[in-house]
N, C-alpha and C. Protein backbone atom coordinates (compact mmCIF):
# COMPACT_ATOMS: atom_id res chain seq x y z
N MET A 1 51.31 232.37 23.05
CA MET A 1 49.73 232.73 23.01
C MET A 1 48.83 231.73 23.21
N VAL A 2 48.37 231.51 24.31
CA VAL A 2 47.11 230.33 24.31
C VAL A 2 46.15 230.53 23.92
N GLY A 3 45.17 229.60 23.00
CA GLY A 3 44.11 229.88 22.31
C GLY A 3 44.27 230.68 21.28
N ARG A 4 45.35 231.35 20.68
CA ARG A 4 45.71 231.76 19.59
C ARG A 4 45.42 230.82 18.39
N MET A 5 44.41 231.00 17.43
CA MET A 5 44.11 230.41 15.97
C MET A 5 44.45 231.14 14.82
N THR A 6 45.88 230.65 14.08
CA THR A 6 46.01 231.18 12.72
C THR A 6 45.39 230.24 11.67
N GLY A 7 45.84 230.00 10.24
CA GLY A 7 45.17 229.64 9.16
C GLY A 7 45.79 228.47 8.60
N TRP A 8 46.43 228.01 9.29
CA TRP A 8 47.19 226.60 9.20
C TRP A 8 46.94 225.39 10.05
N THR A 9 46.57 224.15 9.52
CA THR A 9 46.67 223.22 10.12
C THR A 9 47.66 221.90 10.15
N ILE A 10 47.69 221.26 11.21
CA ILE A 10 48.99 220.08 11.37
C ILE A 10 48.63 218.94 10.02
N ILE A 11 47.07 219.09 9.70
CA ILE A 11 47.21 218.06 8.75
C ILE A 11 46.92 218.83 7.51
N SER A 12 47.25 218.43 6.57
CA SER A 12 47.00 218.97 5.16
C SER A 12 45.67 218.90 4.63
N LYS A 13 44.99 219.54 3.55
CA LYS A 13 43.43 218.97 3.17
C LYS A 13 43.66 217.95 2.63
N HIS A 14 44.48 217.34 1.81
CA HIS A 14 44.81 216.02 1.25
C HIS A 14 44.98 215.15 2.43
N GLY A 15 45.40 215.42 3.42
CA GLY A 15 45.27 214.33 4.45
C GLY A 15 43.76 214.12 5.27
N LEU A 16 43.03 215.59 5.25
CA LEU A 16 41.73 215.31 5.74
C LEU A 16 40.70 214.59 4.94
N VAL A 17 41.23 214.67 3.10
CA VAL A 17 40.32 214.14 2.39
C VAL A 17 40.42 212.53 2.55
N LEU A 18 41.75 212.09 2.61
CA LEU A 18 42.27 210.57 3.29
C LEU A 18 41.91 210.41 4.17
N THR A 19 41.64 210.78 5.24
CA THR A 19 41.38 210.38 6.63
C THR A 19 39.55 210.51 6.61
N TYR A 20 39.03 211.13 5.50
CA TYR A 20 37.82 210.86 5.64
C TYR A 20 37.25 210.01 4.81
N ILE A 21 38.02 209.50 3.63
CA ILE A 21 37.77 208.69 3.01
C ILE A 21 37.75 207.16 3.55
N TYR A 22 38.64 207.23 4.10
CA TYR A 22 39.17 205.98 5.22
C TYR A 22 38.00 205.69 6.18
N HIS A 23 37.64 206.65 6.55
CA HIS A 23 36.62 206.56 7.64
C HIS A 23 35.13 206.50 7.18
N HIS A 24 34.77 206.73 5.69
CA HIS A 24 33.77 206.81 5.02
C HIS A 24 34.04 206.43 3.52
N PRO A 25 34.21 205.22 3.13
CA PRO A 25 34.77 204.93 1.81
C PRO A 25 33.87 205.19 0.66
N LYS A 26 32.46 205.04 1.23
CA LYS A 26 31.08 205.20 0.03
C LYS A 26 31.01 206.60 0.15
N SER A 27 31.45 207.50 0.36
CA SER A 27 31.15 209.23 0.59
C SER A 27 31.36 209.74 -0.81
N THR A 28 30.92 210.53 -1.18
CA THR A 28 30.43 211.16 -2.19
C THR A 28 31.62 212.71 -2.08
N ALA A 29 31.86 213.06 -3.28
CA ALA A 29 33.22 214.63 -3.24
C ALA A 29 32.17 215.35 -2.56
N ARG A 30 30.81 215.54 -2.74
CA ARG A 30 30.12 216.41 -2.00
C ARG A 30 30.22 216.44 -0.77
N GLN A 31 29.66 214.95 -0.29
CA GLN A 31 30.10 214.85 1.32
C GLN A 31 31.54 215.56 1.92
N ILE A 32 32.09 214.64 0.80
CA ILE A 32 33.70 215.06 1.78
C ILE A 32 33.94 216.40 1.86
N ALA A 33 33.87 217.57 0.60
CA ALA A 33 33.94 218.61 0.35
C ALA A 33 33.09 219.64 1.71
N PHE A 34 32.14 219.00 2.21
CA PHE A 34 30.86 219.67 3.34
C PHE A 34 31.95 219.44 4.66
N ALA A 35 32.38 218.19 4.75
CA ALA A 35 33.09 217.92 5.81
C ALA A 35 34.15 218.48 6.21
N ILE A 36 34.82 218.50 5.19
CA ILE A 36 36.38 219.57 5.48
C ILE A 36 36.19 220.89 4.95
N GLY A 37 35.41 221.19 4.26
CA GLY A 37 34.98 222.95 4.30
C GLY A 37 35.88 222.98 3.25
N VAL A 38 35.84 222.76 1.99
CA VAL A 38 36.37 222.83 0.97
C VAL A 38 35.32 222.84 -0.30
N THR A 39 35.35 222.90 -1.72
CA THR A 39 34.34 222.76 -2.71
C THR A 39 34.68 221.51 -3.45
N GLU A 40 33.57 221.14 -3.91
CA GLU A 40 33.44 219.55 -4.52
C GLU A 40 34.46 219.58 -5.41
N TRP A 41 34.95 220.52 -6.27
CA TRP A 41 35.83 220.53 -7.39
C TRP A 41 37.58 220.14 -6.82
N THR A 42 37.67 220.99 -5.90
CA THR A 42 38.99 220.85 -5.03
C THR A 42 39.25 219.41 -4.40
N VAL A 43 38.11 218.68 -4.08
CA VAL A 43 37.85 217.20 -3.31
C VAL A 43 38.39 216.38 -4.80
N ARG A 44 37.66 216.89 -5.74
CA ARG A 44 37.87 216.37 -6.88
C ARG A 44 39.52 216.00 -7.56
N GLN A 45 40.05 217.07 -7.47
CA GLN A 45 41.61 217.33 -7.75
C GLN A 45 42.31 216.63 -6.37
N MET A 46 42.13 216.66 -5.12
CA MET A 46 42.86 215.84 -4.11
C MET A 46 42.84 214.19 -4.41
N ILE A 47 41.52 214.18 -4.58
CA ILE A 47 41.36 212.69 -5.02
C ILE A 47 42.27 212.03 -6.21
N ALA A 48 42.07 212.78 -6.97
CA ALA A 48 42.68 212.48 -8.14
C ALA A 48 44.47 212.31 -7.84
N ASP A 49 45.11 213.53 -6.98
CA ASP A 49 46.31 213.34 -6.76
C ASP A 49 46.41 212.02 -5.82
N LEU A 50 45.72 211.66 -4.95
CA LEU A 50 45.66 210.58 -4.00
C LEU A 50 45.92 209.21 -4.79
N GLU A 51 44.78 209.07 -6.15
CA GLU A 51 45.04 208.19 -6.73
C GLU A 51 46.17 207.79 -7.60
N ALA A 52 46.98 209.36 -8.10
CA ALA A 52 47.88 209.28 -9.05
C ALA A 52 49.04 208.29 -7.75
N ASP A 53 49.08 208.97 -6.95
CA ASP A 53 50.19 208.81 -5.94
C ASP A 53 50.28 207.36 -5.42
N GLY A 54 49.11 206.67 -5.52
CA GLY A 54 48.66 205.36 -5.17
C GLY A 54 48.10 205.24 -3.72
N TYR A 55 47.44 206.55 -3.15
CA TYR A 55 47.15 206.26 -1.72
C TYR A 55 45.75 205.87 -1.86
N VAL A 56 45.04 205.87 -3.00
CA VAL A 56 43.62 205.72 -2.86
C VAL A 56 43.31 205.10 -4.50
N SER A 57 42.12 204.34 -4.54
CA SER A 57 41.97 203.60 -5.46
C SER A 57 40.31 203.44 -5.39
N ARG A 58 39.79 203.89 -6.72
CA ARG A 58 38.42 203.95 -6.57
C ARG A 58 37.66 202.48 -7.35
N GLN A 59 36.40 202.12 -6.70
CA GLN A 59 35.65 201.22 -7.44
C GLN A 59 34.39 201.50 -7.71
N LYS A 60 34.06 201.55 -8.85
CA LYS A 60 32.73 201.80 -9.43
C LYS A 60 31.61 200.65 -8.88
N VAL A 61 30.35 201.29 -8.22
CA VAL A 61 29.44 200.56 -7.91
C VAL A 61 28.41 200.86 -8.06
N GLY A 62 27.50 200.39 -9.22
CA GLY A 62 26.56 200.81 -9.89
C GLY A 62 26.93 202.48 -10.13
N ARG A 63 26.22 203.65 -9.92
CA ARG A 63 26.62 204.53 -10.09
C ARG A 63 27.57 205.39 -9.04
N ASN A 64 27.88 204.75 -8.40
CA ASN A 64 28.63 205.64 -6.96
C ASN A 64 30.10 205.07 -7.07
N ASN A 65 30.84 205.55 -6.41
CA ASN A 65 32.47 205.07 -6.31
C ASN A 65 32.40 204.48 -5.05
N VAL A 66 32.98 203.63 -4.54
CA VAL A 66 33.61 203.28 -3.05
C VAL A 66 35.40 203.12 -3.59
N TYR A 67 35.84 203.82 -2.32
CA TYR A 67 37.43 204.14 -2.53
C TYR A 67 37.57 203.29 -1.48
N HIS A 68 38.95 202.97 -1.75
CA HIS A 68 39.90 202.19 -1.13
C HIS A 68 41.40 202.63 -0.81
N VAL A 69 41.43 202.59 0.48
CA VAL A 69 42.59 203.23 0.53
C VAL A 69 44.12 202.45 1.02
N ASN A 70 45.15 202.61 0.40
CA ASN A 70 46.41 201.90 0.13
C ASN A 70 47.19 201.90 1.79
N LEU A 71 46.79 200.89 2.75
CA LEU A 71 47.32 201.19 4.11
C LEU A 71 48.64 201.21 4.04
N ASP A 72 49.34 200.29 3.16
CA ASP A 72 50.78 199.82 3.08
C ASP A 72 51.39 201.09 2.46
N GLN A 73 51.11 202.10 1.88
CA GLN A 73 51.60 202.87 1.26
C GLN A 73 52.31 203.64 2.27
N GLY A 74 53.62 204.19 2.18
CA GLY A 74 54.33 204.98 2.99
C GLY A 74 54.20 206.41 2.71
N LEU A 75 54.40 207.21 3.85
CA LEU A 75 54.16 208.63 3.82
C LEU A 75 54.76 209.50 2.88
N ARG A 76 54.62 210.24 2.30
CA ARG A 76 55.56 210.90 1.29
C ARG A 76 56.62 211.77 1.93
N HIS A 77 56.69 212.36 2.54
CA HIS A 77 57.83 213.09 3.31
C HIS A 77 59.05 212.18 3.27
N GLN A 78 60.18 212.59 2.95
CA GLN A 78 61.43 211.46 2.95
C GLN A 78 61.62 211.20 4.16
N THR A 79 61.50 212.21 5.57
CA THR A 79 61.82 211.68 6.66
C THR A 79 60.81 210.78 7.13
N ILE A 80 59.79 210.26 6.79
CA ILE A 80 58.76 209.26 7.22
C ILE A 80 58.28 208.57 6.39
N GLN A 81 59.36 208.31 5.14
CA GLN A 81 58.80 207.55 4.26
C GLN A 81 58.33 205.73 4.84
N HIS A 82 59.17 205.68 5.94
CA HIS A 82 58.86 204.50 5.99
C HIS A 82 57.98 203.93 7.05
N VAL A 83 57.27 205.32 7.34
CA VAL A 83 55.69 204.67 8.19
C VAL A 83 54.73 204.50 7.40
N PRO A 84 53.74 203.42 7.25
CA PRO A 84 52.77 202.81 6.54
C PRO A 84 51.65 203.78 6.98
N LEU A 85 51.16 204.11 5.95
CA LEU A 85 49.73 205.11 5.78
C LEU A 85 49.02 204.52 7.02
N GLY A 86 48.51 203.34 6.91
CA GLY A 86 47.77 202.63 7.88
C GLY A 86 48.08 202.99 9.04
N ASN A 87 49.33 203.17 9.67
CA ASN A 87 49.54 203.57 10.91
C ASN A 87 49.02 204.74 11.34
N LEU A 88 49.26 205.84 10.72
CA LEU A 88 48.69 207.33 11.13
C LEU A 88 47.31 207.16 11.09
N LEU A 89 46.71 206.80 10.15
CA LEU A 89 44.91 206.44 9.87
C LEU A 89 44.35 205.90 11.25
N LYS A 90 45.41 204.61 11.40
CA LYS A 90 44.73 204.20 12.73
C LYS A 90 44.38 204.88 13.68
N VAL A 91 45.69 206.00 13.97
CA VAL A 91 45.93 206.62 15.31
C VAL A 91 44.54 207.74 14.94
N LEU A 92 44.71 208.54 13.95
CA LEU A 92 43.84 209.22 13.93
C LEU A 92 42.06 209.15 14.06
N VAL A 93 41.68 207.91 13.02
CA VAL A 93 40.47 207.61 13.15
C VAL A 93 40.02 207.07 14.67
N GLU A 94 41.13 206.34 15.19
CA GLU A 94 40.77 205.67 16.74
C GLU A 94 40.35 206.97 17.89
N GLN A 95 41.30 208.24 17.69
CA GLN A 95 41.17 209.43 18.61
C GLN A 95 40.17 210.15 18.25
N SER A 96 39.95 210.12 16.70
CA SER A 96 38.38 210.64 16.50
C SER A 96 37.29 210.38 17.19
N VAL A 97 37.22 209.07 17.34
CA VAL A 97 36.23 208.07 17.89
C VAL A 97 36.22 208.41 19.18
N LYS A 98 37.26 208.68 20.04
CA LYS A 98 37.20 208.65 21.35
C LYS A 98 36.90 209.79 21.89
N VAL A 99 37.19 210.99 20.91
CA VAL A 99 36.89 212.15 21.17
C VAL A 99 35.07 212.54 21.29
N ARG A 100 34.64 212.02 19.84
CA ARG A 100 32.93 212.28 19.99
C ARG A 100 32.34 211.77 21.19
């Protein structure tokens, strides 16, 4: 069926948060939550997950956080662990810029 939309997406919510942070490293959890359509608390939990697994680190600058994405980190699934995160993000961000 062409045009049929279901409740799932190719990129997970964690992936959306990671992509948003990559593109907007000075963003707040509130801004990220608004952009991807989840709660601020959910974003904070996802950022904590991403930090725990080495995908994101944060640096305090004044009262704000600046996020850094570890582009060398391999993707999580065993079939694509050899692919650096930076390769995926480069494609996603370049393509989103072309679409706008």
